[in-house]
PDB file of N, CA and C in Angstrom:
ATOM      1  N   MET A   1     -21.395  -7.561 -12.028  1.00  0.00           N
ATOM      2  CA  MET A   1     -21.655  -7.295 -10.637  1.00  0.00           C
ATOM      3  C   MET A   1     -20.911  -6.026 -10.242  1.00  0.00           C
ATOM      4  N   LYS A   2     -21.557  -5.163  -9.490  1.00  0.00           N
ATOM      5  CA  LYS A   2     -20.935  -3.938  -8.998  1.00  0.00           C
ATOM      6  C   LYS A   2     -20.228  -4.253  -7.677  1.00  0.00           C
ATOM      7  N   VAL A   3     -18.904  -4.034  -7.652  1.00  0.00           N
ATOM      8  CA  VAL A   3     -18.074  -4.369  -6.496  1.00  0.00           C
ATOM      9  C   VAL A   3     -17.442  -3.095  -5.951  1.00  0.00           C
ATOM     10  N   GLY A   4     -17.590  -2.879  -4.651  1.00  0.00           N
ATOM     11  CA  GLY A   4     -16.966  -1.732  -3.999  1.00  0.00           C
ATOM     12  C   GLY A   4     -15.597  -2.094  -3.465  1.00  0.00           C
ATOM     13  N   VAL A   5     -14.727  -1.105  -3.408  1.00  0.00           N
ATOM     14  CA  VAL A   5     -13.398  -1.276  -2.815  1.00  0.00           C
ATOM     15  C   VAL A   5     -13.188  -0.103  -1.861  1.00  0.00           C
ATOM     16  N   ILE A   6     -12.911  -0.423  -0.602  1.00  0.00           N
ATOM     17  CA  ILE A   6     -12.661   0.613   0.394  1.00  0.00           C
ATOM     18  C   ILE A   6     -11.321   0.330   1.057  1.00  0.00           C
ATOM     19  N   THR A   7     -10.517   1.369   1.206  1.00  0.00           N
ATOM     20  CA  THR A   7      -9.157   1.226   1.714  1.00  0.00           C
ATOM     21  C   THR A   7      -9.049   1.758   3.137  1.00  0.00           C
ATOM     22  N   PHE A   8      -8.381   0.972   3.985  1.00  0.00           N
ATOM     23  CA  PHE A   8      -8.187   1.306   5.396  1.00  0.00           C
ATOM     24  C   PHE A   8      -6.705   1.506   5.685  1.00  0.00           C
ATOM     25  N   THR A   9      -6.414   2.427   6.609  1.00  0.00           N
ATOM     26  CA  THR A   9      -5.069   2.511   7.187  1.00  0.00           C
ATOM     27  C   THR A   9      -5.185   2.061   8.640  1.00  0.00           C
ATOM     28  N   ASP A  10      -4.151   2.314   9.414  1.00  0.00           N
ATOM     29  CA  ASP A  10      -4.091   1.752  10.769  1.00  0.00           C
ATOM     30  C   ASP A  10      -4.756   2.595  11.859  1.00  0.00           C
ATOM     31  N   GLY A  11      -5.502   3.611  11.515  1.00  0.00           N
ATOM     32  CA  GLY A  11      -6.210   4.382  12.528  1.00  0.00           C
ATOM     33  C   GLY A  11      -5.528   5.679  12.933  1.00  0.00           C
ATOM     34  N   ARG A  12      -4.432   5.996  12.280  1.00  0.00           N
ATOM     35  CA  ARG A  12      -3.744   7.252  12.587  1.00  0.00           C
ATOM     36  C   ARG A  12      -3.901   8.207  11.410  1.00  0.00           C
ATOM     37  N   GLU A  13      -4.329   9.424  11.698  1.00  0.00           N
ATOM     38  CA  GLU A  13      -4.509  10.408  10.640  1.00  0.00           C
ATOM     39  C   GLU A  13      -3.197  10.658   9.893  1.00  0.00           C
ATOM     40  N   ARG A  14      -2.100  10.752  10.623  1.00  0.00           N
ATOM     41  CA  ARG A  14      -0.815  11.028   9.962  1.00  0.00           C
ATOM     42  C   ARG A  14      -0.414   9.888   9.021  1.00  0.00           C
ATOM     43  N   ALA A  15      -0.742   8.652   9.396  1.00  0.00           N
ATOM     44  CA  ALA A  15      -0.444   7.514   8.516  1.00  0.00           C
ATOM     45  C   ALA A  15      -1.317   7.586   7.264  1.00  0.00           C
ATOM     46  N   ALA A  16      -2.591   7.936   7.456  1.00  0.00           N
ATOM     47  CA  ALA A  16      -3.503   8.047   6.310  1.00  0.00           C
ATOM     48  C   ALA A  16      -3.007   9.105   5.330  1.00  0.00           C
ATOM     49  N   LYS A  17      -2.567  10.236   5.857  1.00  0.00           N
ATOM     50  CA  LYS A  17      -2.073  11.306   4.983  1.00  0.00           C
ATOM     51  C   LYS A  17      -0.771  10.901   4.302  1.00  0.00           C
ATOM     52  N   ALA A  18       0.130  10.263   5.057  1.00  0.00           N
ATOM     53  CA  ALA A  18       1.423   9.865   4.489  1.00  0.00           C
ATOM     54  C   ALA A  18       1.272   8.789   3.417  1.00  0.00           C
ATOM     55  N   LEU A  19       0.272   7.930   3.571  1.00  0.00           N
ATOM     56  CA  LEU A  19       0.097   6.798   2.658  1.00  0.00           C
ATOM     57  C   LEU A  19      -0.974   7.031   1.592  1.00  0.00           C
ATOM     58  N   GLU A  20      -1.570   8.212   1.574  1.00  0.00           N
ATOM     59  CA  GLU A  20      -2.707   8.478   0.680  1.00  0.00           C
ATOM     60  C   GLU A  20      -2.408   8.099  -0.769  1.00  0.00           C
ATOM     61  N   GLU A  21      -1.300   8.560  -1.293  1.00  0.00           N
ATOM     62  CA  GLU A  21      -0.971   8.282  -2.705  1.00  0.00           C
ATOM     63  C   GLU A  21      -0.780   6.784  -2.942  1.00  0.00           C
ATOM     64  N   GLN A  22      -0.061   6.130  -2.046  1.00  0.00           N
ATOM     65  CA  GLN A  22       0.179   4.693  -2.162  1.00  0.00           C
ATOM     66  C   GLN A  22      -1.136   3.917  -2.062  1.00  0.00           C
ATOM     67  N   CYS A  23      -1.977   4.297  -1.119  1.00  0.00           N
ATOM     68  CA  CYS A  23      -3.277   3.625  -0.943  1.00  0.00           C
ATOM     69  C   CYS A  23      -4.149   3.793  -2.177  1.00  0.00           C
ATOM     70  N   ARG A  24      -4.202   5.012  -2.700  1.00  0.00           N
ATOM     71  CA  ARG A  24      -5.010   5.291  -3.900  1.00  0.00           C
ATOM     72  C   ARG A  24      -4.519   4.460  -5.083  1.00  0.00           C
ATOM     73  N   ALA A  25      -3.199   4.385  -5.247  1.00  0.00           N
ATOM     74  CA  ALA A  25      -2.634   3.649  -6.384  1.00  0.00           C
ATOM     75  C   ALA A  25      -2.989   2.169  -6.293  1.00  0.00           C
ATOM     76  N   PHE A  26      -2.870   1.590  -5.107  1.00  0.00           N
ATOM     77  CA  PHE A  26      -3.172   0.174  -4.979  1.00  0.00           C
ATOM     78  C   PHE A  26      -4.672  -0.075  -5.121  1.00  0.00           C
ATOM     79  N   GLN A  27      -5.496   0.808  -4.566  1.00  0.00           N
ATOM     80  CA  GLN A  27      -6.946   0.662  -4.727  1.00  0.00           C
ATOM     81  C   GLN A  27      -7.315   0.700  -6.208  1.00  0.00           C
ATOM     82  N   GLN A  28      -6.665   1.585  -6.956  1.00  0.00           N
ATOM     83  CA  GLN A  28      -6.941   1.676  -8.394  1.00  0.00           C
ATOM     84  C   GLN A  28      -6.533   0.392  -9.109  1.00  0.00           C
ATOM     85  N   LYS A  29      -5.425  -0.225  -8.691  1.00  0.00           N
ATOM     86  CA  LYS A  29      -5.009  -1.498  -9.298  1.00  0.00           C
ATOM     87  C   LYS A  29      -6.050  -2.586  -9.032  1.00  0.00           C
ATOM     88  N   VAL A  30      -6.602  -2.610  -7.827  1.00  0.00           N
ATOM     89  CA  VAL A  30      -7.646  -3.580  -7.503  1.00  0.00           C
ATOM     90  C   VAL A  30      -8.872  -3.321  -8.374  1.00  0.00           C
ATOM     91  N   CYS A  31      -9.268  -2.063  -8.501  1.00  0.00           N
ATOM     92  CA  CYS A  31     -10.428  -1.717  -9.341  1.00  0.00           C
ATOM     93  C   CYS A  31     -10.182  -2.080 -10.806  1.00  0.00           C
ATOM     94  N   ASP A  32      -8.977  -1.812 -11.290  1.00  0.00           N
ATOM     95  CA  ASP A  32      -8.640  -2.150 -12.682  1.00  0.00           C
ATOM     96  C   ASP A  32      -8.731  -3.656 -12.912  1.00  0.00           C
ATOM     97  N   TRP A  33      -8.233  -4.441 -11.947  1.00  0.00           N
ATOM     98  CA  TRP A  33      -8.299  -5.897 -12.081  1.00  0.00           C
ATOM     99  C   TRP A  33      -9.754  -6.364 -12.078  1.00  0.00           C
ATOM    100  N   LEU A  34     -10.555  -5.831 -11.178  1.00  0.00           N
ATOM    101  CA  LEU A  34     -11.972  -6.213 -11.135  1.00  0.00           C
ATOM    102  C   LEU A  34     -12.658  -5.895 -12.464  1.00  0.00           C
ATOM    103  N   THR A  35     -12.346  -4.741 -13.015  1.00  0.00           N
ATOM    104  CA  THR A  35     -12.922  -4.351 -14.304  1.00  0.00           C
ATOM    105  C   THR A  35     -12.482  -5.316 -15.399  1.00  0.00           C
ATOM    106  N   SER A  36     -11.223  -5.717 -15.384  1.00  0.00           N
ATOM    107  CA  SER A  36     -10.731  -6.658 -16.400  1.00  0.00           C
ATOM    108  C   SER A  36     -11.399  -8.022 -16.284  1.00  0.00           C
ATOM    109  N   GLU A  37     -11.922  -8.323 -15.099  1.00  0.00           N
ATOM    110  CA  GLU A  37     -12.632  -9.590 -14.874  1.00  0.00           C
ATOM    111  C   GLU A  37     -14.131  -9.476 -15.158  1.00  0.00           C
ATOM    112  N   GLY A  38     -14.549  -8.308 -15.655  1.00  0.00           N
ATOM    113  CA  GLY A  38     -15.941  -8.128 -16.048  1.00  0.00           C
ATOM    114  C   GLY A  38     -16.852  -7.520 -14.997  1.00  0.00           C
ATOM    115  N   HIS A  39     -16.289  -7.024 -13.913  1.00  0.00           N
ATOM    116  CA  HIS A  39     -17.090  -6.403 -12.859  1.00  0.00           C
ATOM    117  C   HIS A  39     -17.077  -4.892 -13.010  1.00  0.00           C
ATOM    118  N   GLU A  40     -18.076  -4.253 -12.438  1.00  0.00           N
ATOM    119  CA  GLU A  40     -18.079  -2.802 -12.360  1.00  0.00           C
ATOM    120  C   GLU A  40     -17.502  -2.443 -10.998  1.00  0.00           C
ATOM    121  N   ALA A  41     -16.320  -1.843 -10.981  1.00  0.00           N
ATOM    122  CA  ALA A  41     -15.632  -1.533  -9.726  1.00  0.00           C
ATOM    123  C   ALA A  41     -15.881  -0.090  -9.319  1.00  0.00           C
ATOM    124  N   VAL A  42     -16.154   0.097  -8.033  1.00  0.00           N
ATOM    125  CA  VAL A  42     -16.358   1.430  -7.474  1.00  0.00           C
ATOM    126  C   VAL A  42     -15.394   1.586  -6.300  1.00  0.00           C
ATOM    127  N   GLY A  43     -14.424   2.478  -6.443  1.00  0.00           N
ATOM    128  CA  GLY A  43     -13.484   2.740  -5.357  1.00  0.00           C
ATOM    129  C   GLY A  43     -13.993   3.856  -4.474  1.00  0.00           C
ATOM    130  N   SER A  44     -13.868   3.673  -3.181  1.00  0.00           N
ATOM    131  CA  SER A  44     -14.270   4.692  -2.227  1.00  0.00           C
ATOM    132  C   SER A  44     -13.360   5.909  -2.337  1.00  0.00           C
ATOM    133  N   ASP A  45     -13.938   7.097  -2.199  1.00  0.00           N
ATOM    134  CA  ASP A  45     -13.148   8.331  -2.226  1.00  0.00           C
ATOM    135  C   ASP A  45     -12.365   8.529  -0.931  1.00  0.00           C
ATOM    136  N   ALA A  46     -12.872   7.970   0.153  1.00  0.00           N
ATOM    137  CA  ALA A  46     -12.257   8.168   1.466  1.00  0.00           C
ATOM    138  C   ALA A  46     -11.318   7.021   1.803  1.00  0.00           C
ATOM    139  N   THR A  47     -10.120   7.362   2.305  1.00  0.00           N
ATOM    140  CA  THR A  47      -9.260   6.352   2.906  1.00  0.00           C
ATOM    141  C   THR A  47      -9.627   6.319   4.379  1.00  0.00           C
ATOM    142  N   VAL A  48     -10.026   5.172   4.855  1.00  0.00           N
ATOM    143  CA  VAL A  48     -10.564   5.054   6.207  1.00  0.00           C
ATOM    144  C   VAL A  48      -9.445   5.051   7.246  1.00  0.00           C
ATOM    145  N   TRP A  49      -9.584   5.949   8.216  1.00  0.00           N
ATOM    146  CA  TRP A  49      -8.645   5.968   9.340  1.00  0.00           C
ATOM    147  C   TRP A  49      -9.380   6.222  10.663  1.00  0.00           C
ATOM    148  N   ASN A  50     -10.659   6.623  10.608  1.00  0.00           N
ATOM    149  CA  ASN A  50     -11.446   6.828  11.826  1.00  0.00           C
ATOM    150  C   ASN A  50     -12.915   6.523  11.532  1.00  0.00           C
ATOM    151  N   CYS A  51     -13.770   6.692  12.521  1.00  0.00           N
ATOM    152  CA  CYS A  51     -15.199   6.357  12.344  1.00  0.00           C
ATOM    153  C   CYS A  51     -15.860   7.192  11.262  1.00  0.00           C
ATOM    154  N   LYS A  52     -15.562   8.488  11.217  1.00  0.00           N
ATOM    155  CA  LYS A  52     -16.194   9.358  10.226  1.00  0.00           C
ATOM    156  C   LYS A  52     -15.802   8.952   8.804  1.00  0.00           C
ATOM    157  N   SER A  53     -14.522   8.689   8.585  1.00  0.00           N
ATOM    158  CA  SER A  53     -14.103   8.313   7.226  1.00  0.00           C
ATOM    159  C   SER A  53     -14.660   6.941   6.850  1.00  0.00           C
ATOM    160  N   ALA A  54     -14.822   6.057   7.830  1.00  0.00           N
ATOM    161  CA  ALA A  54     -15.439   4.746   7.563  1.00  0.00           C
ATOM    162  C   ALA A  54     -16.905   4.925   7.165  1.00  0.00           C
ATOM    163  N   ARG A  55     -17.604   5.768   7.887  1.00  0.00           N
ATOM    164  CA  ARG A  55     -19.017   6.034   7.598  1.00  0.00           C
ATOM    165  C   ARG A  55     -19.170   6.670   6.218  1.00  0.00           C
ATOM    166  N   ASP A  56     -18.303   7.654   5.911  1.00  0.00           N
ATOM    167  CA  ASP A  56     -18.364   8.326   4.609  1.00  0.00           C
ATOM    168  C   ASP A  56     -18.118   7.342   3.461  1.00  0.00           C
ATOM    169  N   GLY A  57     -17.096   6.511   3.612  1.00  0.00           N
ATOM    170  CA  GLY A  57     -16.791   5.523   2.573  1.00  0.00           C
ATOM    171  C   GLY A  57     -17.899   4.508   2.407  1.00  0.00           C
ATOM    172  N   ALA A  58     -18.437   4.029   3.528  1.00  0.00           N
ATOM    173  CA  ALA A  58     -19.534   3.059   3.470  1.00  0.00           C
ATOM    174  C   ALA A  58     -20.760   3.665   2.809  1.00  0.00           C
ATOM    175  N   ASN A  59     -21.094   4.889   3.179  1.00  0.00           N
ATOM    176  CA  ASN A  59     -22.269   5.541   2.575  1.00  0.00           C
ATOM    177  C   ASN A  59     -22.101   5.738   1.075  1.00  0.00           C
ATOM    178  N   GLN A  60     -20.891   6.054   0.647  1.00  0.00           N
ATOM    179  CA  GLN A  60     -20.637   6.198  -0.794  1.00  0.00           C
ATOM    180  C   GLN A  60     -20.889   4.880  -1.518  1.00  0.00           C
ATOM    181  N   LEU A  61     -20.382   3.773  -0.969  1.00  0.00           N
ATOM    182  CA  LEU A  61     -20.548   2.479  -1.631  1.00  0.00           C
ATOM    183  C   LEU A  61     -21.992   1.980  -1.547  1.00  0.00           C
ATOM    184  N   ILE A  62     -22.691   2.301  -0.464  1.00  0.00           N
ATOM    185  CA  ILE A  62     -24.122   1.969  -0.369  1.00  0.00           C
ATOM    186  C   ILE A  62     -24.898   2.750  -1.427  1.00  0.00           C
ATOM    187  N   SER A  63     -24.598   4.044  -1.553  1.00  0.00           N
ATOM    188  CA  SER A  63     -25.279   4.881  -2.553  1.00  0.00           C
ATOM    189  C   SER A  63     -25.026   4.393  -3.974  1.00  0.00           C
ATOM    190  N   ALA A  64     -23.859   3.794  -4.188  1.00  0.00           N
ATOM    191  CA  ALA A  64     -23.507   3.276  -5.516  1.00  0.00           C
ATOM    192  C   ALA A  64     -24.105   1.887  -5.758  1.00  0.00           C
ATOM    193  N   SER A  65     -24.814   1.350  -4.761  1.00  0.00           N
ATOM    194  CA  SER A  65     -25.457   0.028  -4.853  1.00  0.00           C
ATOM    195  C   SER A  65     -24.463  -1.106  -5.084  1.00  0.00           C
ATOM    196  N   CYS A  66     -23.312  -1.025  -4.402  1.00  0.00           N
ATOM    197  CA  CYS A  66     -22.338  -2.115  -4.480  1.00  0.00           C
ATOM    198  C   CYS A  66     -22.867  -3.300  -3.687  1.00  0.00           C
ATOM    199  N   HIS A  67     -22.674  -4.482  -4.218  1.00  0.00           N
ATOM    200  CA  HIS A  67     -23.138  -5.676  -3.517  1.00  0.00           C
ATOM    201  C   HIS A  67     -22.026  -6.183  -2.619  1.00  0.00           C
ATOM    202  N   PRO A  68     -20.957  -6.801  -3.132  1.00  0.00           N
ATOM    203  CA  PRO A  68     -19.838  -7.113  -2.241  1.00  0.00           C
ATOM    204  C   PRO A  68     -18.919  -5.898  -2.140  1.00  0.00           C
ATOM    205  N   VAL A  69     -18.179  -5.839  -1.053  1.00  0.00           N
ATOM    206  CA  VAL A  69     -17.187  -4.778  -0.860  1.00  0.00           C
ATOM    207  C   VAL A  69     -15.879  -5.430  -0.426  1.00  0.00           C
ATOM    208  N   ILE A  70     -14.811  -5.070  -1.099  1.00  0.00           N
ATOM    209  CA  ILE A  70     -13.479  -5.558  -0.755  1.00  0.00           C
ATOM    210  C   ILE A  70     -12.846  -4.566   0.208  1.00  0.00           C
ATOM    211  N   PHE A  71     -12.340  -5.070   1.334  1.00  0.00           N
ATOM    212  CA  PHE A  71     -11.619  -4.247   2.297  1.00  0.00           C
ATOM    213  C   PHE A  71     -10.132  -4.335   1.961  1.00  0.00           C
ATOM    214  N   ASN A  72      -9.560  -3.211   1.558  1.00  0.00           N
ATOM    215  CA  ASN A  72      -8.163  -3.121   1.185  1.00  0.00           C
ATOM    216  C   ASN A  72      -7.412  -2.464   2.346  1.00  0.00           C
ATOM    217  N   PHE A  73      -6.494  -3.186   2.968  1.00  0.00           N
ATOM    218  CA  PHE A  73      -5.745  -2.650   4.105  1.00  0.00           C
ATOM    219  C   PHE A  73      -4.374  -2.193   3.646  1.00  0.00           C
ATOM    220  N   CYS A  74      -4.072  -0.936   3.914  1.00  0.00           N
ATOM    221  CA  CYS A  74      -2.802  -0.327   3.520  1.00  0.00           C
ATOM    222  C   CYS A  74      -2.012  -0.051   4.792  1.00  0.00           C
ATOM    223  N   SER A  75      -0.879  -0.699   4.932  1.00  0.00           N
ATOM    224  CA  SER A  75      -0.074  -0.597   6.147  1.00  0.00           C
ATOM    225  C   SER A  75       1.053   0.408   5.980  1.00  0.00           C
ATOM    226  N   GLY A  76       1.349   1.098   7.052  1.00  0.00           N
ATOM    227  CA  GLY A  76       2.467   2.034   7.055  1.00  0.00           C
ATOM    228  C   GLY A  76       3.802   1.347   7.251  1.00  0.00           C
ATOM    229  N   MET A  77       3.805   0.045   7.427  1.00  0.00           N
ATOM    230  CA  MET A  77       5.042  -0.673   7.710  1.00  0.00           C
ATOM    231  C   MET A  77       6.060  -0.515   6.598  1.00  0.00           C
ATOM    232  N   ALA A  78       5.617  -0.551   5.340  1.00  0.00           N
ATOM    233  CA  ALA A  78       6.558  -0.411   4.225  1.00  0.00           C
ATOM    234  C   ALA A  78       7.248   0.945   4.284  1.00  0.00           C
ATOM    235  N   THR A  79       6.514   1.988   4.662  1.00  0.00           N
ATOM    236  CA  THR A  79       7.096   3.322   4.780  1.00  0.00           C
ATOM    237  C   THR A  79       8.143   3.334   5.893  1.00  0.00           C
ATOM    238  N   CYS A  80       7.831   2.690   7.010  1.00  0.00           N
ATOM    239  CA  CYS A  80       8.777   2.631   8.130  1.00  0.00           C
ATOM    240  C   CYS A  80      10.036   1.878   7.737  1.00  0.00           C
ATOM    241  N   LEU A  81       9.879   0.754   7.043  1.00  0.00           N
ATOM    242  CA  LEU A  81      11.033  -0.059   6.665  1.00  0.00           C
ATOM    243  C   LEU A  81      11.952   0.676   5.696  1.00  0.00           C
ATOM    244  N   ARG A  82      11.385   1.505   4.831  1.00  0.00           N
ATOM    245  CA  ARG A  82      12.205   2.256   3.878  1.00  0.00           C
ATOM    246  C   ARG A  82      13.109   3.239   4.618  1.00  0.00           C
ATOM    247  N   ARG A  83      12.695   3.691   5.792  1.00  0.00           N
ATOM    248  CA  ARG A  83      13.472   4.678   6.535  1.00  0.00           C
ATOM    249  C   ARG A  83      14.622   4.056   7.311  1.00  0.00           C
ATOM    250  N   LEU A  84      14.586   2.738   7.489  1.00  0.00           N
ATOM    251  CA  LEU A  84      15.643   2.074   8.281  1.00  0.00           C
ATOM    252  C   LEU A  84      16.945   2.001   7.516  1.00  0.00           C
TER     253      LEU A  84
END
């Protein structure tokens, strides 16, 4: 089964940029696990933080003919806590 994975941040561009590497790494871990379970995983190129990035990510996964899509939420809270 072809499974899409799309990653969301909290709606702030600065959070999306600050967390990009962390979000990508975790999305890749999800895709790797899906692949190990026998699925074809497709990770979205866009980290969603606004309507345009959501539309771009959704269109990519639709074009790839993904059936289910996993919504991966990446929070900036861990980054904030590290600064305390």
